[in-house]
Amino acid sequence: MHPWILYLTAPAALVVSHAAEAETALLEASANTVKVTVAPLADGKEFVRLPALEFDLAIKAECPATAVPESLSISVADTRKSFGADEIGGIVETRLALPRRQSAYLRVVDFCREDDDSGTPCSRIVADVFTARLSLRCNEEGVQSIVYTTLPLDVELQCEIEDEPEIQDASFSEAGASF
């Protein structure tokens, strides 16, 4: 292959790639990991009930270049939050408060026991305690399109150690769901 053929085809590939990106909506999100303090569990107790939780979300929502955003929606369990067209631009930052009644019991095995002196970990991240569902609605000359994405929401359980301030309290039970 002649070198000049390579030079002619490379810019065309870049233009096509850039044009394809401009035609697609973008919906990306990130969230903090919420920390919850867990008091040492008595013998026979394996389940933790989470308190109300607050997640800070950062969302990048962009419609294609020829479209305008109409709405952005977030849904986690029974909690919903929506943003209108005038609130969508650049990065949308929001706090999502989930009431205690929307969280199930978490099963914690070999973690934060009253009678444990073996040096088990003082904290444990529980992935995907909740899943945020996001949607971006775009309008291009009367034609609407919707882009969806999901975001796992994680919780870090921290074993309560004397003389440390509490972050958020968790209560306990013997019934619930396991992770």
C-alpha atoms as a PDB file:
ATOM      1  CA  MET A   1       0.000   0.000   0.000  1.00  0.00           C
ATOM      2  CA  HIS A   2       1.274   3.430  -0.897  1.00  0.00           C
ATOM      3  CA  PRO A   3       1.795   5.875   2.006  1.00  0.00           C
ATOM      4  CA  TRP A   4      -0.450   8.513   0.386  1.00  0.00           C
ATOM      5  CA  ILE A   5      -3.444   6.110   0.460  1.00  0.00           C
ATOM      6  CA  LEU A   6      -3.082   5.787   4.228  1.00  0.00           C
ATOM      7  CA  TYR A   7      -3.026   9.570   4.615  1.00  0.00           C
ATOM      8  CA  LEU A   8      -6.202   9.948   2.560  1.00  0.00           C
ATOM      9  CA  THR A   9      -8.199   7.302   4.432  1.00  0.00           C
ATOM     10  CA  ALA A  10      -7.256   8.256   8.004  1.00  0.00           C
ATOM     11  CA  PRO A  11      -9.018  11.684   8.043  1.00  0.00           C
ATOM     12  CA  ALA A  12     -12.179  10.126   6.583  1.00  0.00           C
ATOM     13  CA  ALA A  13     -12.267   7.601   9.419  1.00  0.00           C
ATOM     14  CA  LEU A  14     -11.903  10.376  11.979  1.00  0.00           C
ATOM     15  CA  VAL A  15     -14.765  12.361  10.427  1.00  0.00           C
ATOM     16  CA  VAL A  16     -17.057   9.329  10.429  1.00  0.00           C
ATOM     17  CA  SER A  17     -16.191   8.565  14.045  1.00  0.00           C
ATOM     18  CA  HIS A  18     -16.860  12.143  15.134  1.00  0.00           C
ATOM     19  CA  ALA A  19     -20.147  12.269  13.211  1.00  0.00           C
ATOM     20  CA  ALA A  20     -21.325   9.046  14.849  1.00  0.00           C
ATOM     21  CA  GLU A  21     -20.594  10.475  18.302  1.00  0.00           C
ATOM     22  CA  ALA A  22     -22.575  13.643  17.544  1.00  0.00           C
ATOM     23  CA  GLU A  23     -25.651  11.565  16.600  1.00  0.00           C
ATOM     24  CA  THR A  24     -25.831   9.625  19.874  1.00  0.00           C
ATOM     25  CA  ALA A  25     -27.182  10.825  23.204  1.00  0.00           C
ATOM     26  CA  LEU A  26     -24.904  10.491  26.219  1.00  0.00           C
ATOM     27  CA  LEU A  27     -26.044   9.491  29.714  1.00  0.00           C
ATOM     28  CA  GLU A  28     -23.375   8.717  32.329  1.00  0.00           C
ATOM     29  CA  ALA A  29     -23.607   8.833  36.115  1.00  0.00           C
ATOM     30  CA  SER A  30     -21.542   8.300  39.236  1.00  0.00           C
ATOM     31  CA  ALA A  31     -22.411   8.161  42.940  1.00  0.00           C
ATOM     32  CA  ASN A  32     -20.666   8.156  46.289  1.00  0.00           C
ATOM     33  CA  THR A  33     -20.475   5.082  48.508  1.00  0.00           C
ATOM     34  CA  VAL A  34     -22.556   5.752  51.625  1.00  0.00           C
ATOM     35  CA  LYS A  35     -20.952   4.784  54.946  1.00  0.00           C
ATOM     36  CA  VAL A  36     -23.072   3.166  57.657  1.00  0.00           C
ATOM     37  CA  THR A  37     -21.877   2.389  61.195  1.00  0.00           C
ATOM     38  CA  VAL A  38     -22.789  -1.076  62.461  1.00  0.00           C
ATOM     39  CA  ALA A  39     -22.785  -1.891  66.180  1.00  0.00           C
ATOM     40  CA  PRO A  40     -21.209  -5.263  67.026  1.00  0.00           C
ATOM     41  CA  LEU A  41     -23.729  -8.065  66.493  1.00  0.00           C
ATOM     42  CA  ALA A  42     -24.690 -10.443  69.283  1.00  0.00           C
ATOM     43  CA  ASP A  43     -24.338 -14.189  68.849  1.00  0.00           C
ATOM     44  CA  GLY A  44     -26.956 -15.516  66.416  1.00  0.00           C
ATOM     45  CA  LYS A  45     -27.642 -12.139  64.784  1.00  0.00           C
ATOM     46  CA  GLU A  46     -26.758 -11.915  61.095  1.00  0.00           C
ATOM     47  CA  PHE A  47     -28.977  -9.209  59.627  1.00  0.00           C
ATOM     48  CA  VAL A  48     -28.581  -5.439  59.531  1.00  0.00           C
ATOM     49  CA  ARG A  49     -31.367  -2.980  58.752  1.00  0.00           C
ATOM     50  CA  LEU A  50     -30.009   0.070  56.969  1.00  0.00           C
ATOM     51  CA  PRO A  51     -31.015   3.586  58.030  1.00  0.00           C
ATOM     52  CA  ALA A  52     -32.229   6.259  55.618  1.00  0.00           C
ATOM     53  CA  LEU A  53     -29.463   6.799  53.073  1.00  0.00           C
ATOM     54  CA  GLU A  54     -28.377   9.801  51.014  1.00  0.00           C
ATOM     55  CA  PHE A  55     -26.497   9.328  47.755  1.00  0.00           C
ATOM     56  CA  ASP A  56     -24.787  12.183  45.905  1.00  0.00           C
ATOM     57  CA  LEU A  57     -25.073  11.691  42.146  1.00  0.00           C
ATOM     58  CA  ALA A  58     -23.238  13.404  39.295  1.00  0.00           C
ATOM     59  CA  ILE A  59     -24.918  12.931  35.914  1.00  0.00           C
ATOM     60  CA  LYS A  60     -23.667  13.879  32.475  1.00  0.00           C
ATOM     61  CA  ALA A  61     -26.662  14.062  30.136  1.00  0.00           C
ATOM     62  CA  GLU A  62     -26.304  15.232  26.541  1.00  0.00           C
ATOM     63  CA  CYS A  63     -28.650  14.894  23.586  1.00  0.00           C
ATOM     64  CA  PRO A  64     -27.319  14.637  20.020  1.00  0.00           C
ATOM     65  CA  ALA A  65     -26.169  17.947  18.532  1.00  0.00           C
ATOM     66  CA  THR A  66     -29.424  18.393  16.571  1.00  0.00           C
ATOM     67  CA  ALA A  67     -31.722  17.567  19.513  1.00  0.00           C
ATOM     68  CA  VAL A  68     -32.691  19.322  22.738  1.00  0.00           C
ATOM     69  CA  PRO A  69     -33.116  17.686  26.153  1.00  0.00           C
ATOM     70  CA  GLU A  70     -36.669  17.549  27.502  1.00  0.00           C
ATOM     71  CA  SER A  71     -36.278  15.700  30.791  1.00  0.00           C
ATOM     72  CA  LEU A  72     -33.949  13.666  32.962  1.00  0.00           C
ATOM     73  CA  SER A  73     -35.406  11.142  35.415  1.00  0.00           C
ATOM     74  CA  ILE A  74     -33.861   9.116  38.232  1.00  0.00           C
ATOM     75  CA  SER A  75     -35.598   6.217  39.963  1.00  0.00           C
ATOM     76  CA  VAL A  76     -34.380   4.150  42.927  1.00  0.00           C
ATOM     77  CA  ALA A  77     -36.884   1.807  44.587  1.00  0.00           C
ATOM     78  CA  ASP A  78     -39.913   4.064  45.240  1.00  0.00           C
ATOM     79  CA  THR A  79     -37.890   7.297  45.154  1.00  0.00           C
ATOM     80  CA  ARG A  80     -38.037   9.398  42.006  1.00  0.00           C
ATOM     81  CA  LYS A  81     -36.499  12.677  40.925  1.00  0.00           C
ATOM     82  CA  SER A  82     -36.980  14.562  37.652  1.00  0.00           C
ATOM     83  CA  PHE A  83     -35.312  17.526  35.988  1.00  0.00           C
ATOM     84  CA  GLY A  84     -36.806  19.739  33.293  1.00  0.00           C
ATOM     85  CA  ALA A  85     -35.101  20.965  30.132  1.00  0.00           C
ATOM     86  CA  ASP A  86     -33.846  24.147  31.808  1.00  0.00           C
ATOM     87  CA  GLU A  87     -32.095  22.115  34.555  1.00  0.00           C
ATOM     88  CA  ILE A  88     -30.154  19.831  32.182  1.00  0.00           C
ATOM     89  CA  GLY A  89     -26.807  21.091  30.986  1.00  0.00           C
ATOM     90  CA  GLY A  90     -23.271  19.982  31.616  1.00  0.00           C
ATOM     91  CA  ILE A  91     -23.101  17.967  34.821  1.00  0.00           C
ATOM     92  CA  VAL A  92     -26.275  17.629  36.908  1.00  0.00           C
ATOM     93  CA  GLU A  93     -25.473  17.156  40.595  1.00  0.00           C
ATOM     94  CA  THR A  94     -28.171  16.026  42.984  1.00  0.00           C
ATOM     95  CA  ARG A  95     -28.699  14.305  46.320  1.00  0.00           C
ATOM     96  CA  LEU A  96     -31.088  11.376  46.437  1.00  0.00           C
ATOM     97  CA  ALA A  97     -32.537  10.561  49.872  1.00  0.00           C
ATOM     98  CA  LEU A  98     -33.808   7.013  50.306  1.00  0.00           C
ATOM     99  CA  PRO A  99     -36.057   6.442  53.330  1.00  0.00           C
ATOM    100  CA  ARG A 100     -35.328   3.534  55.645  1.00  0.00           C
ATOM    101  CA  ARG A 101     -38.532   1.752  54.649  1.00  0.00           C
ATOM    102  CA  GLN A 102     -37.147   1.256  51.114  1.00  0.00           C
ATOM    103  CA  SER A 103     -34.151  -0.816  52.183  1.00  0.00           C
ATOM    104  CA  ALA A 104     -34.209  -4.519  52.921  1.00  0.00           C
ATOM    105  CA  TYR A 105     -32.286  -6.260  55.663  1.00  0.00           C
ATOM    106  CA  LEU A 106     -28.709  -7.172  54.758  1.00  0.00           C
ATOM    107  CA  ARG A 107     -27.160 -10.428  55.872  1.00  0.00           C
ATOM    108  CA  VAL A 108     -23.673  -9.930  57.288  1.00  0.00           C
ATOM    109  CA  VAL A 109     -21.683 -13.073  58.020  1.00  0.00           C
ATOM    110  CA  ASP A 110     -18.422 -13.017  60.008  1.00  0.00           C
ATOM    111  CA  PHE A 111     -18.491  -9.257  60.363  1.00  0.00           C
ATOM    112  CA  CYS A 112     -18.571  -7.047  63.447  1.00  0.00           C
ATOM    113  CA  ARG A 113     -19.273  -9.712  66.099  1.00  0.00           C
ATOM    114  CA  GLU A 114     -19.447  -8.899  69.836  1.00  0.00           C
ATOM    115  CA  ASP A 115     -17.382 -11.957  70.726  1.00  0.00           C
ATOM    116  CA  ASP A 116     -14.853 -11.715  67.871  1.00  0.00           C
ATOM    117  CA  ASP A 117     -11.225 -10.964  68.660  1.00  0.00           C
ATOM    118  CA  SER A 118      -9.844 -12.551  65.481  1.00  0.00           C
ATOM    119  CA  GLY A 119      -9.306  -9.282  63.663  1.00  0.00           C
ATOM    120  CA  THR A 120     -12.068  -9.511  61.079  1.00  0.00           C
ATOM    121  CA  PRO A 121     -12.246  -6.466  58.807  1.00  0.00           C
ATOM    122  CA  CYS A 122     -13.526  -3.235  60.332  1.00  0.00           C
ATOM    123  CA  SER A 123     -15.348  -2.294  57.142  1.00  0.00           C
ATOM    124  CA  ARG A 124     -16.992  -4.043  54.222  1.00  0.00           C
ATOM    125  CA  ILE A 125     -18.337  -2.620  50.974  1.00  0.00           C
ATOM    126  CA  VAL A 126     -21.656  -4.069  49.892  1.00  0.00           C
ATOM    127  CA  ALA A 127     -22.044  -3.543  46.154  1.00  0.00           C
ATOM    128  CA  ASP A 128     -25.367  -2.906  44.440  1.00  0.00           C
ATOM    129  CA  VAL A 129     -27.486  -2.395  47.554  1.00  0.00           C
ATOM    130  CA  PHE A 130     -29.686  -0.276  45.284  1.00  0.00           C
ATOM    131  CA  THR A 131     -29.752   0.346  41.540  1.00  0.00           C
ATOM    132  CA  ALA A 132     -30.492   3.800  40.162  1.00  0.00           C
ATOM    133  CA  ARG A 133     -32.314   3.836  36.832  1.00  0.00           C
ATOM    134  CA  LEU A 134     -31.803   6.971  34.755  1.00  0.00           C
ATOM    135  CA  SER A 135     -33.463   8.157  31.560  1.00  0.00           C
ATOM    136  CA  LEU A 136     -32.820  11.133  29.291  1.00  0.00           C
ATOM    137  CA  ARG A 137     -35.562  12.242  26.896  1.00  0.00           C
ATOM    138  CA  CYS A 138     -34.461  14.206  23.820  1.00  0.00           C
ATOM    139  CA  ASN A 139     -36.537  15.966  21.165  1.00  0.00           C
ATOM    140  CA  GLU A 140     -35.361  16.423  17.603  1.00  0.00           C
ATOM    141  CA  GLU A 141     -37.883  18.316  15.464  1.00  0.00           C
ATOM    142  CA  GLY A 142     -40.861  16.671  17.187  1.00  0.00           C
ATOM    143  CA  VAL A 143     -39.340  13.187  17.278  1.00  0.00           C
ATOM    144  CA  GLN A 144     -38.600  12.010  20.799  1.00  0.00           C
ATOM    145  CA  SER A 145     -35.956   9.514  21.828  1.00  0.00           C
ATOM    146  CA  ILE A 146     -35.063   8.129  25.241  1.00  0.00           C
ATOM    147  CA  VAL A 147     -31.709   6.862  26.481  1.00  0.00           C
ATOM    148  CA  TYR A 148     -31.529   4.641  29.581  1.00  0.00           C
ATOM    149  CA  THR A 149     -28.735   3.630  31.914  1.00  0.00           C
ATOM    150  CA  THR A 150     -28.352   2.093  35.358  1.00  0.00           C
ATOM    151  CA  LEU A 151     -26.001   2.915  38.203  1.00  0.00           C
ATOM    152  CA  PRO A 152     -25.186   0.557  41.099  1.00  0.00           C
ATOM    153  CA  LEU A 153     -25.338   2.227  44.518  1.00  0.00           C
ATOM    154  CA  ASP A 154     -22.950   0.808  47.113  1.00  0.00           C
ATOM    155  CA  VAL A 155     -22.851   0.978  50.910  1.00  0.00           C
ATOM    156  CA  GLU A 156     -19.805   0.638  53.139  1.00  0.00           C
ATOM    157  CA  LEU A 157     -20.545  -0.997  56.493  1.00  0.00           C
ATOM    158  CA  GLN A 158     -18.156   0.118  59.236  1.00  0.00           C
ATOM    159  CA  CYS A 159     -17.924  -1.783  62.498  1.00  0.00           C
ATOM    160  CA  GLU A 160     -18.524   0.577  65.410  1.00  0.00           C
ATOM    161  CA  ILE A 161     -15.391   1.026  67.463  1.00  0.00           C
ATOM    162  CA  GLU A 162     -15.433   2.797  70.813  1.00  0.00           C
ATOM    163  CA  ASP A 163     -14.531   6.498  70.760  1.00  0.00           C
ATOM    164  CA  GLU A 164     -15.378   6.913  67.046  1.00  0.00           C
ATOM    165  CA  PRO A 165     -18.232   9.184  65.918  1.00  0.00           C
ATOM    166  CA  GLU A 166     -21.222   7.525  64.283  1.00  0.00           C
ATOM    167  CA  ILE A 167     -21.785   8.087  60.579  1.00  0.00           C
ATOM    168  CA  GLN A 168     -25.291   6.661  60.138  1.00  0.00           C
ATOM    169  CA  ASP A 169     -26.857   4.138  62.490  1.00  0.00           C
ATOM    170  CA  ALA A 170     -28.043   0.698  61.433  1.00  0.00           C
ATOM    171  CA  SER A 171     -30.441  -1.484  63.404  1.00  0.00           C
ATOM    172  CA  PHE A 172     -30.482  -5.243  63.446  1.00  0.00           C
ATOM    173  CA  SER A 173     -32.830  -8.169  62.954  1.00  0.00           C
ATOM    174  CA  GLU A 174     -32.715 -11.893  62.331  1.00  0.00           C
ATOM    175  CA  ALA A 175     -34.886 -11.683  59.177  1.00  0.00           C
ATOM    176  CA  GLY A 176     -34.132 -10.214  55.782  1.00  0.00           C
ATOM    177  CA  ALA A 177     -32.296 -10.628  52.517  1.00  0.00           C
ATOM    178  CA  SER A 178     -28.682 -11.675  52.149  1.00  0.00           C
ATOM    179  CA  PHE A 179     -25.982 -10.343  49.889  1.00  0.00           C
END
